PDB file of N, CA and C in Angstrom:
ATOM      1  N   MET A   1      65.664 107.661 119.116  1.00  0.00           N
ATOM      2  CA  MET A   1      65.970 106.385 119.709  1.00  0.00           C
ATOM      3  C   MET A   1      67.318 106.502 120.414  1.00  0.00           C
ATOM      4  N   ILE A   2      67.415 105.961 121.598  1.00  0.00           N
ATOM      5  CA  ILE A   2      68.673 105.874 122.325  1.00  0.00           C
ATOM      6  C   ILE A   2      68.980 104.402 122.527  1.00  0.00           C
ATOM      7  N   LYS A   3      70.134 103.973 122.029  1.00  0.00           N
ATOM      8  CA  LYS A   3      70.528 102.570 122.122  1.00  0.00           C
ATOM      9  C   LYS A   3      71.782 102.475 122.980  1.00  0.00           C
ATOM     10  N   LEU A   4      71.703 101.710 124.065  1.00  0.00           N
ATOM     11  CA  LEU A   4      72.841 101.477 124.939  1.00  0.00           C
ATOM     12  C   LEU A   4      73.385 100.082 124.663  1.00  0.00           C
ATOM     13  N   ASP A   5      74.593 100.007 124.154  1.00  0.00           N
ATOM     14  CA  ASP A   5      75.256  98.736 123.861  1.00  0.00           C
ATOM     15  C   ASP A   5      76.346  98.545 124.910  1.00  0.00           C
ATOM     16  N   THR A   6      75.981  97.924 126.035  1.00  0.00           N
ATOM     17  CA  THR A   6      76.951  97.773 127.119  1.00  0.00           C
ATOM     18  C   THR A   6      78.062  96.796 126.760  1.00  0.00           C
ATOM     19  N   GLN A   7      77.768  95.817 125.933  1.00  0.00           N
ATOM     20  CA  GLN A   7      78.789  94.852 125.539  1.00  0.00           C
ATOM     21  C   GLN A   7      79.802  95.487 124.582  1.00  0.00           C
ATOM     22  N   GLY A   8      79.322  96.263 123.612  1.00  0.00           N
ATOM     23  CA  GLY A   8      80.211  96.941 122.672  1.00  0.00           C
ATOM     24  C   GLY A   8      80.703  98.285 123.175  1.00  0.00           C
ATOM     25  N   LYS A   9      80.207  98.717 124.357  1.00  0.00           N
ATOM     26  CA  LYS A   9      80.591  99.988 124.984  1.00  0.00           C
ATOM     27  C   LYS A   9      80.253 101.190 124.100  1.00  0.00           C
ATOM     28  N   ASN A  10      79.054 101.193 123.525  1.00  0.00           N
ATOM     29  CA  ASN A  10      78.614 102.262 122.634  1.00  0.00           C
ATOM     30  C   ASN A  10      77.260 102.798 123.071  1.00  0.00           C
ATOM     31  N   ILE A  11      77.029 104.079 122.786  1.00  0.00           N
ATOM     32  CA  ILE A  11      75.714 104.701 122.930  1.00  0.00           C
ATOM     33  C   ILE A  11      75.371 105.305 121.574  1.00  0.00           C
ATOM     34  N   GLU A  12      74.204 104.974 121.057  1.00  0.00           N
ATOM     35  CA  GLU A  12      73.766 105.489 119.762  1.00  0.00           C
ATOM     36  C   GLU A  12      72.489 106.293 119.962  1.00  0.00           C
ATOM     37  N   ILE A  13      72.482 107.530 119.454  1.00  0.00           N
ATOM     38  CA  ILE A  13      71.305 108.396 119.515  1.00  0.00           C
ATOM     39  C   ILE A  13      70.915 108.722 118.079  1.00  0.00           C
ATOM     40  N   SER A  14      69.675 108.469 117.713  1.00  0.00           N
ATOM     41  CA  SER A  14      69.235 108.757 116.347  1.00  0.00           C
ATOM     42  C   SER A  14      67.799 109.273 116.367  1.00  0.00           C
ATOM     43  N   ALA A  15      67.472 110.047 115.340  1.00  0.00           N
ATOM     44  CA  ALA A  15      66.116 110.572 115.165  1.00  0.00           C
ATOM     45  C   ALA A  15      65.816 110.598 113.674  1.00  0.00           C
ATOM     46  N   PRO A  16      64.561 110.416 113.274  1.00  0.00           N
ATOM     47  CA  PRO A  16      64.237 110.429 111.851  1.00  0.00           C
ATOM     48  C   PRO A  16      64.403 111.807 111.209  1.00  0.00           C
ATOM     49  N   GLU A  17      64.376 112.869 111.979  1.00  0.00           N
ATOM     50  CA  GLU A  17      64.483 114.220 111.411  1.00  0.00           C
ATOM     51  C   GLU A  17      65.579 115.053 112.065  1.00  0.00           C
ATOM     52  N   THR A  18      65.375 115.529 113.287  1.00  0.00           N
ATOM     53  CA  THR A  18      66.256 116.526 113.892  1.00  0.00           C
ATOM     54  C   THR A  18      66.537 116.180 115.347  1.00  0.00           C
ATOM     55  N   ILE A  19      67.776 116.416 115.780  1.00  0.00           N
ATOM     56  CA  ILE A  19      68.153 116.347 117.193  1.00  0.00           C
ATOM     57  C   ILE A  19      68.631 117.735 117.588  1.00  0.00           C
ATOM     58  N   ASN A  20      68.012 118.332 118.591  1.00  0.00           N
ATOM     59  CA  ASN A  20      68.405 119.646 119.092  1.00  0.00           C
ATOM     60  C   ASN A  20      68.971 119.492 120.491  1.00  0.00           C
ATOM     61  N   ILE A  21      70.122 120.109 120.734  1.00  0.00           N
ATOM     62  CA  ILE A  21      70.735 120.143 122.056  1.00  0.00           C
ATOM     63  C   ILE A  21      70.898 121.611 122.418  1.00  0.00           C
ATOM     64  N   THR A  22      70.312 122.044 123.525  1.00  0.00           N
ATOM     65  CA  THR A  22      70.371 123.440 123.936  1.00  0.00           C
ATOM     66  C   THR A  22      70.849 123.513 125.380  1.00  0.00           C
ATOM     67  N   SER A  23      71.817 124.362 125.622  1.00  0.00           N
ATOM     68  CA  SER A  23      72.352 124.536 126.964  1.00  0.00           C
ATOM     69  C   SER A  23      73.156 125.822 127.012  1.00  0.00           C
ATOM     70  N   LYS A  24      73.462 126.313 128.203  1.00  0.00           N
ATOM     71  CA  LYS A  24      74.338 127.479 128.332  1.00  0.00           C
ATOM     72  C   LYS A  24      75.728 127.148 127.790  1.00  0.00           C
ATOM     73  N   ASN A  25      76.263 125.994 128.122  1.00  0.00           N
ATOM     74  CA  ASN A  25      77.573 125.539 127.645  1.00  0.00           C
ATOM     75  C   ASN A  25      77.471 124.069 127.255  1.00  0.00           C
ATOM     76  N   ILE A  26      78.147 123.697 126.179  1.00  0.00           N
ATOM     77  CA  ILE A  26      78.204 122.303 125.740  1.00  0.00           C
ATOM     78  C   ILE A  26      79.669 121.956 125.519  1.00  0.00           C
ATOM     79  N   ASN A  27      80.123 120.874 126.124  1.00  0.00           N
ATOM     80  CA  ASN A  27      81.502 120.419 125.974  1.00  0.00           C
ATOM     81  C   ASN A  27      81.506 119.021 125.373  1.00  0.00           C
ATOM     82  N   LEU A  28      82.282 118.827 124.316  1.00  0.00           N
ATOM     83  CA  LEU A  28      82.494 117.508 123.725  1.00  0.00           C
ATOM     84  C   LEU A  28      83.977 117.186 123.887  1.00  0.00           C
ATOM     85  N   LYS A  29      84.288 116.016 124.406  1.00  0.00           N
ATOM     86  CA  LYS A  29      85.682 115.650 124.622  1.00  0.00           C
ATOM     87  C   LYS A  29      85.854 114.171 124.304  1.00  0.00           C
ATOM     88  N   ALA A  30      86.886 113.843 123.538  1.00  0.00           N
ATOM     89  CA  ALA A  30      87.184 112.459 123.194  1.00  0.00           C
ATOM     90  C   ALA A  30      88.659 112.200 123.461  1.00  0.00           C
ATOM     91  N   SER A  31      88.988 111.022 123.943  1.00  0.00           N
ATOM     92  CA  SER A  31      90.395 110.707 124.186  1.00  0.00           C
ATOM     93  C   SER A  31      91.140 110.443 122.882  1.00  0.00           C
ATOM     94  N   ASP A  32      90.433 110.152 121.792  1.00  0.00           N
ATOM     95  CA  ASP A  32      91.076 109.922 120.494  1.00  0.00           C
ATOM     96  C   ASP A  32      90.613 110.917 119.435  1.00  0.00           C
ATOM     97  N   SER A  33      89.453 110.734 118.865  1.00  0.00           N
ATOM     98  CA  SER A  33      89.030 111.523 117.702  1.00  0.00           C
ATOM     99  C   SER A  33      87.575 111.952 117.818  1.00  0.00           C
ATOM    100  N   ILE A  34      87.249 113.067 117.150  1.00  0.00           N
ATOM    101  CA  ILE A  34      85.867 113.505 116.958  1.00  0.00           C
ATOM    102  C   ILE A  34      85.676 113.707 115.460  1.00  0.00           C
ATOM    103  N   ASP A  35      84.696 113.038 114.878  1.00  0.00           N
ATOM    104  CA  ASP A  35      84.405 113.148 113.451  1.00  0.00           C
ATOM    105  C   ASP A  35      83.034 113.789 113.272  1.00  0.00           C
ATOM    106  N   LEU A  36      82.950 114.783 112.379  1.00  0.00           N
ATOM    107  CA  LEU A  36      81.679 115.391 111.986  1.00  0.00           C
ATOM    108  C   LEU A  36      81.483 115.108 110.504  1.00  0.00           C
ATOM    109  N   ASP A  37      80.310 114.643 110.122  1.00  0.00           N
ATOM    110  CA  ASP A  37      80.065 114.271 108.730  1.00  0.00           C
ATOM    111  C   ASP A  37      78.634 114.656 108.370  1.00  0.00           C
ATOM    112  N   ALA A  38      78.471 115.377 107.269  1.00  0.00           N
ATOM    113  CA  ALA A  38      77.144 115.726 106.767  1.00  0.00           C
ATOM    114  C   ALA A  38      77.129 115.494 105.263  1.00  0.00           C
ATOM    115  N   ASN A  39      76.046 114.946 104.749  1.00  0.00           N
ATOM    116  CA  ASN A  39      75.951 114.715 103.306  1.00  0.00           C
ATOM    117  C   ASN A  39      75.790 116.005 102.517  1.00  0.00           C
ATOM    118  N   VAL A  40      75.327 117.090 103.154  1.00  0.00           N
ATOM    119  CA  VAL A  40      75.076 118.330 102.419  1.00  0.00           C
ATOM    120  C   VAL A  40      75.908 119.480 102.978  1.00  0.00           C
ATOM    121  N   ASN A  41      75.553 120.043 104.118  1.00  0.00           N
ATOM    122  CA  ASN A  41      76.205 121.257 104.624  1.00  0.00           C
ATOM    123  C   ASN A  41      76.559 121.129 106.097  1.00  0.00           C
ATOM    124  N   ILE A  42      77.599 121.836 106.512  1.00  0.00           N
ATOM    125  CA  ILE A  42      77.927 122.063 107.916  1.00  0.00           C
ATOM    126  C   ILE A  42      78.067 123.571 108.082  1.00  0.00           C
ATOM    127  N   THR A  43      77.315 124.151 109.006  1.00  0.00           N
ATOM    128  CA  THR A  43      77.342 125.588 109.250  1.00  0.00           C
ATOM    129  C   THR A  43      77.783 125.830 110.684  1.00  0.00           C
ATOM    130  N   GLU A  44      78.743 126.739 110.868  1.00  0.00           N
ATOM    131  CA  GLU A  44      79.200 127.135 112.198  1.00  0.00           C
ATOM    132  C   GLU A  44      78.971 128.631 112.361  1.00  0.00           C
ATOM    133  N   THR A  45      78.444 129.042 113.499  1.00  0.00           N
ATOM    134  CA  THR A  45      78.234 130.453 113.790  1.00  0.00           C
ATOM    135  C   THR A  45      78.724 130.727 115.202  1.00  0.00           C
ATOM    136  N   ALA A  46      79.577 131.716 115.344  1.00  0.00           N
ATOM    137  CA  ALA A  46      80.038 132.156 116.666  1.00  0.00           C
ATOM    138  C   ALA A  46      79.687 133.625 116.807  1.00  0.00           C
ATOM    139  N   GLY A  47      78.993 133.985 117.871  1.00  0.00           N
ATOM    140  CA  GLY A  47      78.573 135.365 118.072  1.00  0.00           C
ATOM    141  C   GLY A  47      79.715 136.308 118.389  1.00  0.00           C
ATOM    142  N   LYS A  48      80.849 135.782 118.865  1.00  0.00           N
ATOM    143  CA  LYS A  48      81.958 136.650 119.230  1.00  0.00           C
ATOM    144  C   LYS A  48      83.280 136.165 118.640  1.00  0.00           C
ATOM    145  N   ALA A  49      83.760 135.006 119.007  1.00  0.00           N
ATOM    146  CA  ALA A  49      85.086 134.563 118.564  1.00  0.00           C
ATOM    147  C   ALA A  49      85.087 133.056 118.336  1.00  0.00           C
ATOM    148  N   LYS A  50      85.961 132.606 117.431  1.00  0.00           N
ATOM    149  CA  LYS A  50      86.188 131.183 117.187  1.00  0.00           C
ATOM    150  C   LYS A  50      87.684 130.957 117.195  1.00  0.00           C
ATOM    151  N   ARG A  51      88.117 129.933 117.895  1.00  0.00           N
ATOM    152  CA  ARG A  51      89.545 129.649 118.005  1.00  0.00           C
ATOM    153  C   ARG A  51      89.773 128.169 117.766  1.00  0.00           C
ATOM    154  N   SER A  52      90.806 127.836 116.990  1.00  0.00           N
ATOM    155  CA  SER A  52      91.217 126.454 116.768  1.00  0.00           C
ATOM    156  C   SER A  52      92.678 126.328 117.165  1.00  0.00           C
ATOM    157  N   ASP A  53      92.979 125.456 118.109  1.00  0.00           N
ATOM    158  CA  ASP A  53      94.354 125.164 118.504  1.00  0.00           C
ATOM    159  C   ASP A  53      94.695 123.779 117.974  1.00  0.00           C
ATOM    160  N   ILE A  54      95.733 123.695 117.145  1.00  0.00           N
ATOM    161  CA  ILE A  54      96.083 122.451 116.475  1.00  0.00           C
ATOM    162  C   ILE A  54      97.515 122.100 116.840  1.00  0.00           C
ATOM    163  N   GLY A  55      97.717 120.925 117.425  1.00  0.00           N
ATOM    164  CA  GLY A  55      99.042 120.510 117.869  1.00  0.00           C
ATOM    165  C   GLY A  55      99.925 119.999 116.744  1.00  0.00           C
ATOM    166  N   GLY A  56      99.359 119.687 115.597  1.00  0.00           N
ATOM    167  CA  GLY A  56     100.123 119.176 114.457  1.00  0.00           C
ATOM    168  C   GLY A  56      99.809 119.970 113.208  1.00  0.00           C
ATOM    169  N   ASP A  57      99.621 119.284 112.101  1.00  0.00           N
ATOM    170  CA  ASP A  57      99.353 119.928 110.818  1.00  0.00           C
ATOM    171  C   ASP A  57      97.859 120.194 110.651  1.00  0.00           C
ATOM    172  N   MET A  58      97.537 121.172 109.800  1.00  0.00           N
ATOM    173  CA  MET A  58      96.149 121.454 109.426  1.00  0.00           C
ATOM    174  C   MET A  58      96.054 121.441 107.907  1.00  0.00           C
ATOM    175  N   PHE A  59      95.055 120.734 107.385  1.00  0.00           N
ATOM    176  CA  PHE A  59      94.831 120.646 105.949  1.00  0.00           C
ATOM    177  C   PHE A  59      93.417 121.109 105.645  1.00  0.00           C
ATOM    178  N   VAL A  60      93.259 121.922 104.607  1.00  0.00           N
ATOM    179  CA  VAL A  60      91.946 122.357 104.142  1.00  0.00           C
ATOM    180  C   VAL A  60      91.841 121.972 102.671  1.00  0.00           C
ATOM    181  N   TYR A  61      90.864 121.130 102.338  1.00  0.00           N
ATOM    182  CA  TYR A  61      90.647 120.709 100.958  1.00  0.00           C
ATOM    183  C   TYR A  61      89.326 121.294 100.484  1.00  0.00           C
ATOM    184  N   VAL A  62      89.356 122.029  99.383  1.00  0.00           N
ATOM    185  CA  VAL A  62      88.156 122.659  98.838  1.00  0.00           C
ATOM    186  C   VAL A  62      88.040 122.254  97.373  1.00  0.00           C
ATOM    187  N   ASN A  63      86.948 121.600  96.996  1.00  0.00           N
ATOM    188  CA  ASN A  63      86.746 121.222  95.595  1.00  0.00           C
ATOM    189  C   ASN A  63      86.232 122.387  94.763  1.00  0.00           C
ATOM    190  N   GLY A  64      85.493 123.290  95.367  1.00  0.00           N
ATOM    191  CA  GLY A  64      84.954 124.457  94.666  1.00  0.00           C
ATOM    192  C   GLY A  64      85.773 125.689  94.990  1.00  0.00           C
ATOM    193  N   ALA A  65      85.126 126.824  95.047  1.00  0.00           N
ATOM    194  CA  ALA A  65      85.795 128.092  95.338  1.00  0.00           C
ATOM    195  C   ALA A  65      85.919 128.286  96.849  1.00  0.00           C
ATOM    196  N   LEU A  66      86.935 129.026  97.264  1.00  0.00           N
ATOM    197  CA  LEU A  66      87.122 129.414  98.665  1.00  0.00           C
ATOM    198  C   LEU A  66      87.029 130.924  98.744  1.00  0.00           C
ATOM    199  N   THR A  67      86.094 131.423  99.536  1.00  0.00           N
ATOM    200  CA  THR A  67      85.893 132.859  99.683  1.00  0.00           C
ATOM    201  C   THR A  67      86.110 133.235 101.140  1.00  0.00           C
ATOM    202  N   GLU A  68      86.930 134.254 101.377  1.00  0.00           N
ATOM    203  CA  GLU A  68      87.132 134.793 102.718  1.00  0.00           C
ATOM    204  C   GLU A  68      86.691 136.249 102.714  1.00  0.00           C
ATOM    205  N   VAL A  69      85.873 136.637 103.661  1.00  0.00           N
ATOM    206  CA  VAL A  69      85.448 138.023 103.813  1.00  0.00           C
ATOM    207  C   VAL A  69      85.879 138.457 105.207  1.00  0.00           C
ATOM    208  N   ILE A  70      86.774 139.435 105.275  1.00  0.00           N
ATOM    209  CA  ILE A  70      87.319 139.910 106.546  1.00  0.00           C
ATOM    210  C   ILE A  70      86.989 141.385 106.665  1.00  0.00           C
ATOM    211  N   GLU A  71      86.194 141.746 107.654  1.00  0.00           N
ATOM    212  CA  GLU A  71      85.815 143.142 107.831  1.00  0.00           C
ATOM    213  C   GLU A  71      86.828 143.906 108.676  1.00  0.00           C
ATOM    214  N   GLY A  72      87.696 143.206 109.382  1.00  0.00           N
ATOM    215  CA  GLY A  72      88.736 143.844 110.189  1.00  0.00           C
ATOM    216  C   GLY A  72      90.103 143.575 109.589  1.00  0.00           C
ATOM    217  N   ASP A  73      91.123 143.576 110.425  1.00  0.00           N
ATOM    218  CA  ASP A  73      92.497 143.335 109.986  1.00  0.00           C
ATOM    219  C   ASP A  73      92.752 141.844 109.820  1.00  0.00           C
ATOM    220  N   LEU A  74      93.725 141.501 108.966  1.00  0.00           N
ATOM    221  CA  LEU A  74      94.199 140.131 108.801  1.00  0.00           C
ATOM    222  C   LEU A  74      95.642 140.085 109.267  1.00  0.00           C
ATOM    223  N   HIS A  75      95.924 139.246 110.247  1.00  0.00           N
ATOM    224  CA  HIS A  75      97.283 139.061 110.750  1.00  0.00           C
ATOM    225  C   HIS A  75      97.685 137.620 110.468  1.00  0.00           C
ATOM    226  N   SER A  76      98.813 137.429 109.801  1.00  0.00           N
ATOM    227  CA  SER A  76      99.307 136.098 109.485  1.00  0.00           C
ATOM    228  C   SER A  76     100.785 136.046 109.835  1.00  0.00           C
ATOM    229  N   GLU A  77     101.197 134.992 110.522  1.00  0.00           N
ATOM    230  CA  GLU A  77     102.591 134.862 110.936  1.00  0.00           C
ATOM    231  C   GLU A  77     103.045 133.434 110.691  1.00  0.00           C
ATOM    232  N   THR A  78     104.250 133.266 110.185  1.00  0.00           N
ATOM    233  CA  THR A  78     104.839 131.949 110.021  1.00  0.00           C
ATOM    234  C   THR A  78     106.262 131.987 110.551  1.00  0.00           C
ATOM    235  N   LYS A  79     106.680 130.932 111.202  1.00  0.00           N
ATOM    236  CA  LYS A  79     108.004 130.884 111.824  1.00  0.00           C
ATOM    237  C   LYS A  79     109.063 130.303 110.883  1.00  0.00           C
ATOM    238  N   LYS A  80     108.667 129.493 109.899  1.00  0.00           N
ATOM    239  CA  LYS A  80     109.649 128.771 109.084  1.00  0.00           C
ATOM    240  C   LYS A  80     109.521 129.039 107.592  1.00  0.00           C
ATOM    241  N   GLY A  81     109.013 130.161 107.189  1.00  0.00           N
ATOM    242  CA  GLY A  81     108.912 130.454 105.762  1.00  0.00           C
ATOM    243  C   GLY A  81     107.519 130.215 105.241  1.00  0.00           C
ATOM    244  N   LYS A  82     107.283 130.697 104.043  1.00  0.00           N
ATOM    245  CA  LYS A  82     105.952 130.622 103.445  1.00  0.00           C
ATOM    246  C   LYS A  82     106.102 130.300 101.967  1.00  0.00           C
ATOM    247  N   THR A  83     105.303 129.393 101.459  1.00  0.00           N
ATOM    248  CA  THR A  83     105.309 129.035 100.047  1.00  0.00           C
ATOM    249  C   THR A  83     103.963 129.417  99.451  1.00  0.00           C
ATOM    250  N   MET A  84     103.980 130.249  98.428  1.00  0.00           N
ATOM    251  CA  MET A  84     102.754 130.652  97.744  1.00  0.00           C
ATOM    252  C   MET A  84     102.758 130.003  96.366  1.00  0.00           C
ATOM    253  N   LEU A  85     101.683 129.319  96.020  1.00  0.00           N
ATOM    254  CA  LEU A  85     101.549 128.677  94.718  1.00  0.00           C
ATOM    255  C   LEU A  85     100.361 129.276  93.991  1.00  0.00           C
ATOM    256  N   ASN A  86     100.517 129.502  92.696  1.00  0.00           N
ATOM    257  CA  ASN A  86      99.431 130.013  91.877  1.00  0.00           C
ATOM    258  C   ASN A  86      99.287 129.086  90.685  1.00  0.00           C
ATOM    259  N   SER A  87      98.089 128.588  90.435  1.00  0.00           N
ATOM    260  CA  SER A  87      97.886 127.621  89.354  1.00  0.00           C
ATOM    261  C   SER A  87      97.601 128.278  88.011  1.00  0.00           C
ATOM    262  N   GLU A  88      97.615 129.601  87.937  1.00  0.00           N
ATOM    263  CA  GLU A  88      97.313 130.286  86.671  1.00  0.00           C
ATOM    264  C   GLU A  88      98.466 130.190  85.713  1.00  0.00           C
TER     265      GLU A  88
END
C-alpha cells in the first residue's frame, strides 16, 4: 500500500510481508534523521567496503556478547587519549 498524505506531508509505504528495492545505486538522504528499527534482526552486507563518517559522538550498546572477527590488520587511532575498562 502506498499512502500519500499531502496535508501531513507524509508518504507511507507498507506491505503485509516483504518490500524489495533493487537498483544499481540507492541513496537515502534526510535533512534531520534516519531511523532503522526491526523487532528481530538487522543484517548489513558490503561486498567490498563499509564506511561510517560521524560528525559527533558514536555509541554502541550491546545487551549480549560482542564478537569481532578481523581477517586483516586492525588500525585504531585516538587523538585525545584512550580509556579501557574491564568489568572482571
